[in-house]
Amino acid sequence: MNEDKHQQTTHFGFQEVPVEEKSGRVAEVFHSVASKYDIMNDLMSMGIHRLWKRFAIELSGVRRGQRVLDLAGGTGDLATRFASMVGADGLVVLSDINSSMLAEGRRRLLDDGHAGNVEYVLADAQKLPFPDNHFDCISIAFGLRNVTDKDAALREMQRVLKPGGRALVLEFSRPVTPGLKPVYDFYSFKVLPLMGKLVANDADSYRYLAESIRMHPDQATLRDMMQSAGFVEVDYHNLTGGIVALHRGFKA
């Protein structure tokens, strides 16, 4: 592959596709799975995703009156918690590039009684429609791996974060516990697509999700990417043997 061609292509799961096609393909996946997303999350992780998100919430440092951006916020798991934490004087912006996912999140938060302190923004993480130094905390949970230009998204997160604010990236990563990888691989590539077919009638989307996890940078690489984007004091915490990692960085 020559350099020019390489610059014009990117990964969609294990496939190599033109850069301009990836966002549309990812959109199709999440339009397809939106209505079953919460059910599938519980089934796929056996409910453990709730503990991963709770850990992220605990490290967020969010307080009453603050402004929080939940990027790729999907059906609003984190945004719901943040809305309770910031109170009536604070603001949570639930943002997603996918209209179906954003609609599910909006419905869920309204059902939970969060109307006055939550806004909903359809936005691309690579080009955020917010001013510089605007948010006290930014989270992105299980969304960064679907972004075409991850470095651009991290730079945008750093730009709109206030000095002293923190960014949280919760994402699937690389297993570090001995013996875990083959079990995890079998589960990802055999069980998940079957589960997707039985529950959501969509094996292909869940096969893509498993593949996209394998193409995502490992823990140390993502830490380095956050540092290159301008974050300081970047650290990460392995969860469930490294299947998931929470990265945290601050804006100086």
C-alpha atoms as a PDB file:
ATOM      1  CA  MET A   1       0.000   0.000   0.000  1.00  0.00           C
ATOM      2  CA  ASN A   2       1.492   3.343  -0.971  1.00  0.00           C
ATOM      3  CA  GLU A   3       1.581   6.277   1.383  1.00  0.00           C
ATOM      4  CA  ASP A   4      -1.053   8.314  -0.461  1.00  0.00           C
ATOM      5  CA  LYS A   5      -3.512   5.437  -0.385  1.00  0.00           C
ATOM      6  CA  HIS A   6      -2.763   4.791   3.264  1.00  0.00           C
ATOM      7  CA  GLN A   7      -3.572   8.384   4.111  1.00  0.00           C
ATOM      8  CA  GLN A   8      -6.973   8.026   2.439  1.00  0.00           C
ATOM      9  CA  THR A   9      -8.061   4.819   4.153  1.00  0.00           C
ATOM     10  CA  THR A  10      -8.874   3.791   7.699  1.00  0.00           C
ATOM     11  CA  HIS A  11     -10.077   0.765   9.626  1.00  0.00           C
ATOM     12  CA  PHE A  12     -13.720  -0.245   9.898  1.00  0.00           C
ATOM     13  CA  GLY A  13     -13.310  -3.230  12.157  1.00  0.00           C
ATOM     14  CA  PHE A  14     -10.808  -5.437  10.340  1.00  0.00           C
ATOM     15  CA  GLN A  15     -11.675  -3.929   6.949  1.00  0.00           C
ATOM     16  CA  GLU A  16      -9.718  -1.153   5.260  1.00  0.00           C
ATOM     17  CA  VAL A  17     -12.162   1.447   3.932  1.00  0.00           C
ATOM     18  CA  PRO A  18     -11.956   4.966   2.470  1.00  0.00           C
ATOM     19  CA  VAL A  19     -11.836   7.578   5.235  1.00  0.00           C
ATOM     20  CA  GLU A  20     -14.942   9.320   3.937  1.00  0.00           C
ATOM     21  CA  GLU A  21     -16.948   6.076   4.225  1.00  0.00           C
ATOM     22  CA  LYS A  22     -16.196   5.179   7.834  1.00  0.00           C
ATOM     23  CA  SER A  23     -18.524   7.623   9.578  1.00  0.00           C
ATOM     24  CA  GLY A  24     -21.434   6.462   7.435  1.00  0.00           C
ATOM     25  CA  ARG A  25     -20.725   2.811   8.134  1.00  0.00           C
ATOM     26  CA  VAL A  26     -20.425   3.428  11.873  1.00  0.00           C
ATOM     27  CA  ALA A  27     -23.675   5.384  11.732  1.00  0.00           C
ATOM     28  CA  GLU A  28     -25.433   2.397  10.155  1.00  0.00           C
ATOM     29  CA  VAL A  29     -24.200   0.154  12.966  1.00  0.00           C
ATOM     30  CA  PHE A  30     -25.561   2.394  15.708  1.00  0.00           C
ATOM     31  CA  HIS A  31     -28.822   3.210  13.935  1.00  0.00           C
ATOM     32  CA  SER A  32     -29.284  -0.557  13.824  1.00  0.00           C
ATOM     33  CA  VAL A  33     -28.467  -1.296  17.463  1.00  0.00           C
ATOM     34  CA  ALA A  34     -29.836   1.844  19.187  1.00  0.00           C
ATOM     35  CA  SER A  35     -33.148   0.401  20.368  1.00  0.00           C
ATOM     36  CA  LYS A  36     -31.473  -2.698  21.830  1.00  0.00           C
ATOM     37  CA  TYR A  37     -28.268  -1.016  22.995  1.00  0.00           C
ATOM     38  CA  ASP A  38     -28.908  -1.067  26.751  1.00  0.00           C
ATOM     39  CA  ILE A  39     -30.189  -4.646  26.738  1.00  0.00           C
ATOM     40  CA  MET A  40     -27.203  -5.811  24.726  1.00  0.00           C
ATOM     41  CA  ASN A  41     -24.756  -3.975  26.996  1.00  0.00           C
ATOM     42  CA  ASP A  42     -26.134  -5.834  29.991  1.00  0.00           C
ATOM     43  CA  LEU A  43     -26.022  -9.171  28.200  1.00  0.00           C
ATOM     44  CA  MET A  44     -22.596  -8.706  26.607  1.00  0.00           C
ATOM     45  CA  SER A  45     -20.867  -7.603  29.800  1.00  0.00           C
ATOM     46  CA  MET A  46     -23.076  -9.591  32.197  1.00  0.00           C
ATOM     47  CA  GLY A  47     -23.892  -6.253  33.799  1.00  0.00           C
ATOM     48  CA  ILE A  48     -20.257  -5.394  34.544  1.00  0.00           C
ATOM     49  CA  HIS A  49     -20.394  -2.309  32.291  1.00  0.00           C
ATOM     50  CA  ARG A  50     -22.345  -0.626  35.081  1.00  0.00           C
ATOM     51  CA  LEU A  51     -19.379  -1.110  37.456  1.00  0.00           C
ATOM     52  CA  TRP A  52     -16.945   0.243  34.837  1.00  0.00           C
ATOM     53  CA  LYS A  53     -19.090   3.351  34.428  1.00  0.00           C
ATOM     54  CA  ARG A  54     -19.491   3.750  38.183  1.00  0.00           C
ATOM     55  CA  PHE A  55     -15.701   3.755  38.520  1.00  0.00           C
ATOM     56  CA  ALA A  56     -15.481   6.475  35.857  1.00  0.00           C
ATOM     57  CA  ILE A  57     -18.059   8.527  37.722  1.00  0.00           C
ATOM     58  CA  GLU A  58     -16.051   8.195  40.950  1.00  0.00           C
ATOM     59  CA  LEU A  59     -12.897   9.481  39.254  1.00  0.00           C
ATOM     60  CA  SER A  60     -14.679  12.329  37.481  1.00  0.00           C
ATOM     61  CA  GLY A  61     -14.498  14.718  40.432  1.00  0.00           C
ATOM     62  CA  VAL A  62     -17.729  16.333  39.218  1.00  0.00           C
ATOM     63  CA  ARG A  63     -19.347  18.719  41.691  1.00  0.00           C
ATOM     64  CA  ARG A  64     -22.532  20.768  41.934  1.00  0.00           C
ATOM     65  CA  GLY A  65     -22.747  23.706  39.579  1.00  0.00           C
ATOM     66  CA  GLN A  66     -20.210  22.349  37.080  1.00  0.00           C
ATOM     67  CA  ARG A  67     -20.515  21.932  33.327  1.00  0.00           C
ATOM     68  CA  VAL A  68     -19.980  18.413  31.942  1.00  0.00           C
ATOM     69  CA  LEU A  69     -19.776  17.115  28.384  1.00  0.00           C
ATOM     70  CA  ASP A  70     -20.570  13.445  27.801  1.00  0.00           C
ATOM     71  CA  LEU A  71     -19.264  12.674  24.306  1.00  0.00           C
ATOM     72  CA  ALA A  72     -20.601   9.748  22.301  1.00  0.00           C
ATOM     73  CA  GLY A  73     -22.961   9.547  25.241  1.00  0.00           C
ATOM     74  CA  GLY A  74     -25.326   7.130  23.576  1.00  0.00           C
ATOM     75  CA  THR A  75     -28.262   6.209  25.746  1.00  0.00           C
ATOM     76  CA  GLY A  76     -27.150   8.414  28.618  1.00  0.00           C
ATOM     77  CA  ASP A  77     -25.750   6.107  31.310  1.00  0.00           C
ATOM     78  CA  LEU A  78     -23.067   8.579  32.394  1.00  0.00           C
ATOM     79  CA  ALA A  79     -25.104  11.699  31.619  1.00  0.00           C
ATOM     80  CA  THR A  80     -27.869  10.535  33.964  1.00  0.00           C
ATOM     81  CA  ARG A  81     -25.425  10.272  36.854  1.00  0.00           C
ATOM     82  CA  PHE A  82     -23.702  13.537  36.003  1.00  0.00           C
ATOM     83  CA  ALA A  83     -27.050  15.362  35.870  1.00  0.00           C
ATOM     84  CA  SER A  84     -27.735  14.351  39.468  1.00  0.00           C
ATOM     85  CA  MET A  85     -24.226  15.363  40.539  1.00  0.00           C
ATOM     86  CA  VAL A  86     -24.169  18.871  39.014  1.00  0.00           C
ATOM     87  CA  GLY A  87     -27.637  19.761  40.309  1.00  0.00           C
ATOM     88  CA  ALA A  88     -29.947  22.499  39.109  1.00  0.00           C
ATOM     89  CA  ASP A  89     -27.143  25.060  38.861  1.00  0.00           C
ATOM     90  CA  GLY A  90     -24.974  22.830  36.681  1.00  0.00           C
ATOM     91  CA  LEU A  91     -25.283  21.608  33.123  1.00  0.00           C
ATOM     92  CA  VAL A  92     -24.694  18.306  31.359  1.00  0.00           C
ATOM     93  CA  VAL A  93     -24.401  18.190  27.583  1.00  0.00           C
ATOM     94  CA  LEU A  94     -25.205  14.770  26.158  1.00  0.00           C
ATOM     95  CA  SER A  95     -23.613  14.608  22.717  1.00  0.00           C
ATOM     96  CA  ASP A  96     -23.500  11.922  20.066  1.00  0.00           C
ATOM     97  CA  ILE A  97     -22.860  11.869  16.318  1.00  0.00           C
ATOM     98  CA  ASN A  98     -25.678   9.360  15.856  1.00  0.00           C
ATOM     99  CA  SER A  99     -29.229  10.725  15.915  1.00  0.00           C
ATOM    100  CA  SER A 100     -30.802   7.384  16.868  1.00  0.00           C
ATOM    101  CA  MET A 101     -28.533   6.978  19.882  1.00  0.00           C
ATOM    102  CA  LEU A 102     -29.048  10.602  20.925  1.00  0.00           C
ATOM    103  CA  ALA A 103     -32.826  10.183  20.706  1.00  0.00           C
ATOM    104  CA  GLU A 104     -32.628   7.103  22.941  1.00  0.00           C
ATOM    105  CA  GLY A 105     -30.521   9.031  25.452  1.00  0.00           C
ATOM    106  CA  ARG A 106     -32.884  11.999  25.445  1.00  0.00           C
ATOM    107  CA  ARG A 107     -35.903   9.756  26.002  1.00  0.00           C
ATOM    108  CA  ARG A 108     -34.204   7.988  28.858  1.00  0.00           C
ATOM    109  CA  LEU A 109     -33.075  11.150  30.656  1.00  0.00           C
ATOM    110  CA  LEU A 110     -36.494  12.745  30.316  1.00  0.00           C
ATOM    111  CA  ASP A 111     -38.078   9.577  31.698  1.00  0.00           C
ATOM    112  CA  ASP A 112     -35.684   9.824  34.647  1.00  0.00           C
ATOM    113  CA  GLY A 113     -36.776  13.413  35.327  1.00  0.00           C
ATOM    114  CA  HIS A 114     -33.672  15.218  34.041  1.00  0.00           C
ATOM    115  CA  ALA A 115     -35.152  18.072  32.024  1.00  0.00           C
ATOM    116  CA  GLY A 116     -33.769  21.346  33.318  1.00  0.00           C
ATOM    117  CA  ASN A 117     -30.019  20.741  33.431  1.00  0.00           C
ATOM    118  CA  VAL A 118     -29.359  18.573  30.353  1.00  0.00           C
ATOM    119  CA  GLU A 119     -28.855  19.658  26.763  1.00  0.00           C
ATOM    120  CA  TYR A 120     -28.647  17.375  23.725  1.00  0.00           C
ATOM    121  CA  VAL A 121     -26.229  18.100  20.908  1.00  0.00           C
ATOM    122  CA  LEU A 122     -25.730  16.147  17.694  1.00  0.00           C
ATOM    123  CA  ALA A 123     -21.991  16.597  17.145  1.00  0.00           C
ATOM    124  CA  ASP A 124     -18.865  15.069  15.662  1.00  0.00           C
ATOM    125  CA  ALA A 125     -16.192  14.543  18.327  1.00  0.00           C
ATOM    126  CA  GLN A 126     -13.571  15.589  15.768  1.00  0.00           C
ATOM    127  CA  LYS A 127     -15.175  19.047  15.355  1.00  0.00           C
ATOM    128  CA  LEU A 128     -16.900  20.060  18.574  1.00  0.00           C
ATOM    129  CA  PRO A 129     -19.311  23.030  18.345  1.00  0.00           C
ATOM    130  CA  PHE A 130     -18.251  24.480  21.698  1.00  0.00           C
ATOM    131  CA  PRO A 131     -15.973  27.383  22.674  1.00  0.00           C
ATOM    132  CA  ASP A 132     -12.522  26.968  24.217  1.00  0.00           C
ATOM    133  CA  ASN A 133     -12.226  26.382  27.982  1.00  0.00           C
ATOM    134  CA  HIS A 134     -15.920  25.598  28.405  1.00  0.00           C
ATOM    135  CA  PHE A 135     -16.323  22.357  30.398  1.00  0.00           C
ATOM    136  CA  ASP A 136     -15.142  21.230  33.828  1.00  0.00           C
ATOM    137  CA  CYS A 137     -15.214  17.562  32.839  1.00  0.00           C
ATOM    138  CA  ILE A 138     -15.471  15.626  29.590  1.00  0.00           C
ATOM    139  CA  SER A 139     -16.224  11.913  29.350  1.00  0.00           C
ATOM    140  CA  ILE A 140     -16.305   9.532  26.419  1.00  0.00           C
ATOM    141  CA  ALA A 141     -17.302   5.959  27.220  1.00  0.00           C
ATOM    142  CA  PHE A 142     -16.938   3.222  24.607  1.00  0.00           C
ATOM    143  CA  GLY A 143     -17.031   5.777  21.814  1.00  0.00           C
ATOM    144  CA  LEU A 144     -13.472   6.789  20.989  1.00  0.00           C
ATOM    145  CA  ARG A 145     -12.730   3.569  19.118  1.00  0.00           C
ATOM    146  CA  ASN A 146     -15.441   4.446  16.586  1.00  0.00           C
ATOM    147  CA  VAL A 147     -13.972   7.871  15.802  1.00  0.00           C
ATOM    148  CA  THR A 148     -12.069   8.048  12.515  1.00  0.00           C
ATOM    149  CA  ASP A 149      -9.420  10.545  13.680  1.00  0.00           C
ATOM    150  CA  LYS A 150      -8.893   9.809  17.360  1.00  0.00           C
ATOM    151  CA  ASP A 151      -6.058  12.331  17.681  1.00  0.00           C
ATOM    152  CA  ALA A 152      -8.326  15.106  16.394  1.00  0.00           C
ATOM    153  CA  ALA A 153     -11.041  14.121  18.875  1.00  0.00           C
ATOM    154  CA  LEU A 154      -8.577  14.195  21.781  1.00  0.00           C
ATOM    155  CA  ARG A 155      -7.311  17.623  20.708  1.00  0.00           C
ATOM    156  CA  GLU A 156     -10.885  18.893  20.560  1.00  0.00           C
ATOM    157  CA  MET A 157     -11.591  17.523  24.025  1.00  0.00           C
ATOM    158  CA  GLN A 158      -8.509  19.301  25.349  1.00  0.00           C
ATOM    159  CA  ARG A 159      -9.521  22.545  23.623  1.00  0.00           C
ATOM    160  CA  VAL A 160     -13.025  22.782  25.105  1.00  0.00           C
ATOM    161  CA  LEU A 161     -11.926  21.690  28.587  1.00  0.00           C
ATOM    162  CA  LYS A 162     -11.308  24.381  31.197  1.00  0.00           C
ATOM    163  CA  PRO A 163      -7.813  24.700  32.696  1.00  0.00           C
ATOM    164  CA  GLY A 164      -7.724  22.282  35.619  1.00  0.00           C
ATOM    165  CA  GLY A 165     -10.545  20.232  34.131  1.00  0.00           C
ATOM    166  CA  ARG A 166     -10.295  16.511  33.518  1.00  0.00           C
ATOM    167  CA  ALA A 167     -11.042  14.184  30.627  1.00  0.00           C
ATOM    168  CA  LEU A 168     -12.091  10.582  31.080  1.00  0.00           C
ATOM    169  CA  VAL A 169     -11.799   7.967  28.333  1.00  0.00           C
ATOM    170  CA  LEU A 170     -13.463   4.668  29.225  1.00  0.00           C
ATOM    171  CA  GLU A 171     -12.797   2.127  26.504  1.00  0.00           C
ATOM    172  CA  PHE A 172     -12.148  -1.506  25.751  1.00  0.00           C
ATOM    173  CA  SER A 173      -8.428  -2.221  25.790  1.00  0.00           C
ATOM    174  CA  ARG A 174      -5.934  -5.110  25.941  1.00  0.00           C
ATOM    175  CA  PRO A 175      -6.256  -7.944  28.475  1.00  0.00           C
ATOM    176  CA  VAL A 176      -3.257  -8.092  30.805  1.00  0.00           C
ATOM    177  CA  THR A 177      -4.258 -11.017  33.019  1.00  0.00           C
ATOM    178  CA  PRO A 178      -2.433 -14.221  31.945  1.00  0.00           C
ATOM    179  CA  GLY A 179      -4.703 -16.629  30.090  1.00  0.00           C
ATOM    180  CA  LEU A 180      -7.522 -14.116  29.635  1.00  0.00           C
ATOM    181  CA  LYS A 181      -6.916 -13.228  25.971  1.00  0.00           C
ATOM    182  CA  PRO A 182      -7.945 -16.550  24.318  1.00  0.00           C
ATOM    183  CA  VAL A 183     -11.109 -16.719  26.414  1.00  0.00           C
ATOM    184  CA  TYR A 184     -11.905 -13.102  25.581  1.00  0.00           C
ATOM    185  CA  ASP A 185     -11.254 -13.682  21.871  1.00  0.00           C
ATOM    186  CA  PHE A 186     -13.588 -16.682  21.775  1.00  0.00           C
ATOM    187  CA  TYR A 187     -16.292 -14.721  23.556  1.00  0.00           C
ATOM    188  CA  SER A 188     -15.861 -11.674  21.288  1.00  0.00           C
ATOM    189  CA  PHE A 189     -15.846 -13.411  17.927  1.00  0.00           C
ATOM    190  CA  LYS A 190     -18.111 -16.396  18.563  1.00  0.00           C
ATOM    191  CA  VAL A 191     -20.521 -15.524  21.359  1.00  0.00           C
ATOM    192  CA  LEU A 192     -21.148 -11.795  20.731  1.00  0.00           C
ATOM    193  CA  PRO A 193     -22.232 -12.087  17.077  1.00  0.00           C
ATOM    194  CA  LEU A 194     -24.531 -14.981  18.000  1.00  0.00           C
ATOM    195  CA  MET A 195     -25.975 -12.946  20.862  1.00  0.00           C
ATOM    196  CA  GLY A 196     -26.444  -9.994  18.509  1.00  0.00           C
ATOM    197  CA  LYS A 197     -28.305 -12.202  16.041  1.00  0.00           C
ATOM    198  CA  LEU A 198     -30.588 -13.727  18.676  1.00  0.00           C
ATOM    199  CA  VAL A 199     -31.404 -10.544  20.629  1.00  0.00           C
ATOM    200  CA  ALA A 200     -31.031  -7.709  18.128  1.00  0.00           C
ATOM    201  CA  ASN A 201     -31.287  -9.694  14.864  1.00  0.00           C
ATOM    202  CA  ASP A 202     -27.988  -8.119  13.849  1.00  0.00           C
ATOM    203  CA  ALA A 203     -24.889 -10.312  13.992  1.00  0.00           C
ATOM    204  CA  ASP A 204     -22.855  -8.096  11.649  1.00  0.00           C
ATOM    205  CA  SER A 205     -23.019  -4.986  13.835  1.00  0.00           C
ATOM    206  CA  TYR A 206     -21.813  -6.882  16.881  1.00  0.00           C
ATOM    207  CA  ARG A 207     -19.073  -8.524  14.849  1.00  0.00           C
ATOM    208  CA  TYR A 208     -17.927  -5.015  13.864  1.00  0.00           C
ATOM    209  CA  LEU A 209     -17.976  -3.917  17.512  1.00  0.00           C
ATOM    210  CA  ALA A 210     -15.726  -6.840  18.471  1.00  0.00           C
ATOM    211  CA  GLU A 211     -13.357  -6.059  15.603  1.00  0.00           C
ATOM    212  CA  SER A 212     -13.268  -2.341  16.423  1.00  0.00           C
ATOM    213  CA  ILE A 213     -12.116  -3.195  19.949  1.00  0.00           C
ATOM    214  CA  ARG A 214      -9.127  -5.098  18.565  1.00  0.00           C
ATOM    215  CA  MET A 215      -8.141  -2.171  16.331  1.00  0.00           C
ATOM    216  CA  HIS A 216      -8.251   0.360  19.189  1.00  0.00           C
ATOM    217  CA  PRO A 217      -4.895   1.521  20.651  1.00  0.00           C
ATOM    218  CA  ASP A 218      -3.654  -0.315  23.732  1.00  0.00           C
ATOM    219  CA  GLN A 219      -3.340   1.299  27.141  1.00  0.00           C
ATOM    220  CA  ALA A 220       0.141   2.797  26.764  1.00  0.00           C
ATOM    221  CA  THR A 221      -0.502   4.021  23.212  1.00  0.00           C
ATOM    222  CA  LEU A 222      -3.710   5.813  24.203  1.00  0.00           C
ATOM    223  CA  ARG A 223      -1.907   7.388  27.159  1.00  0.00           C
ATOM    224  CA  ASP A 224       0.751   8.702  24.767  1.00  0.00           C
ATOM    225  CA  MET A 225      -1.937   9.988  22.387  1.00  0.00           C
ATOM    226  CA  MET A 226      -3.585  11.943  25.211  1.00  0.00           C
ATOM    227  CA  GLN A 227      -0.260  13.453  26.185  1.00  0.00           C
ATOM    228  CA  SER A 228       0.382  14.436  22.568  1.00  0.00           C
ATOM    229  CA  ALA A 229      -3.044  16.122  22.510  1.00  0.00           C
ATOM    230  CA  GLY A 230      -1.949  18.347  25.395  1.00  0.00           C
ATOM    231  CA  PHE A 231      -3.244  16.531  28.455  1.00  0.00           C
ATOM    232  CA  VAL A 232      -1.045  16.363  31.545  1.00  0.00           C
ATOM    233  CA  GLU A 233      -0.852  13.900  34.459  1.00  0.00           C
ATOM    234  CA  VAL A 234      -2.333  11.207  32.226  1.00  0.00           C
ATOM    235  CA  ASP A 235      -2.864   7.870  33.919  1.00  0.00           C
ATOM    236  CA  TYR A 236      -4.962   4.786  33.351  1.00  0.00           C
ATOM    237  CA  HIS A 237      -6.627   2.074  35.388  1.00  0.00           C
ATOM    238  CA  ASN A 238      -7.107  -1.465  34.065  1.00  0.00           C
ATOM    239  CA  LEU A 239     -10.525  -2.913  34.813  1.00  0.00           C
ATOM    240  CA  THR A 240     -11.545  -6.577  34.583  1.00  0.00           C
ATOM    241  CA  GLY A 241      -8.032  -7.692  33.743  1.00  0.00           C
ATOM    242  CA  GLY A 242      -7.476  -4.974  31.150  1.00  0.00           C
ATOM    243  CA  ILE A 243     -10.525  -5.820  29.045  1.00  0.00           C
ATOM    244  CA  VAL A 244     -11.457  -2.209  29.771  1.00  0.00           C
ATOM    245  CA  ALA A 245      -9.251   0.713  30.778  1.00  0.00           C
ATOM    246  CA  LEU A 246     -10.142   4.123  32.150  1.00  0.00           C
ATOM    247  CA  HIS A 247      -7.726   6.846  31.037  1.00  0.00           C
ATOM    248  CA  ARG A 248      -7.729  10.174  32.815  1.00  0.00           C
ATOM    249  CA  GLY A 249      -5.957  13.383  31.846  1.00  0.00           C
ATOM    250  CA  PHE A 250      -6.028  17.013  32.942  1.00  0.00           C
ATOM    251  CA  LYS A 251      -5.745  20.355  31.171  1.00  0.00           C
ATOM    252  CA  ALA A 252      -2.936  22.501  32.559  1.00  0.00           C
END
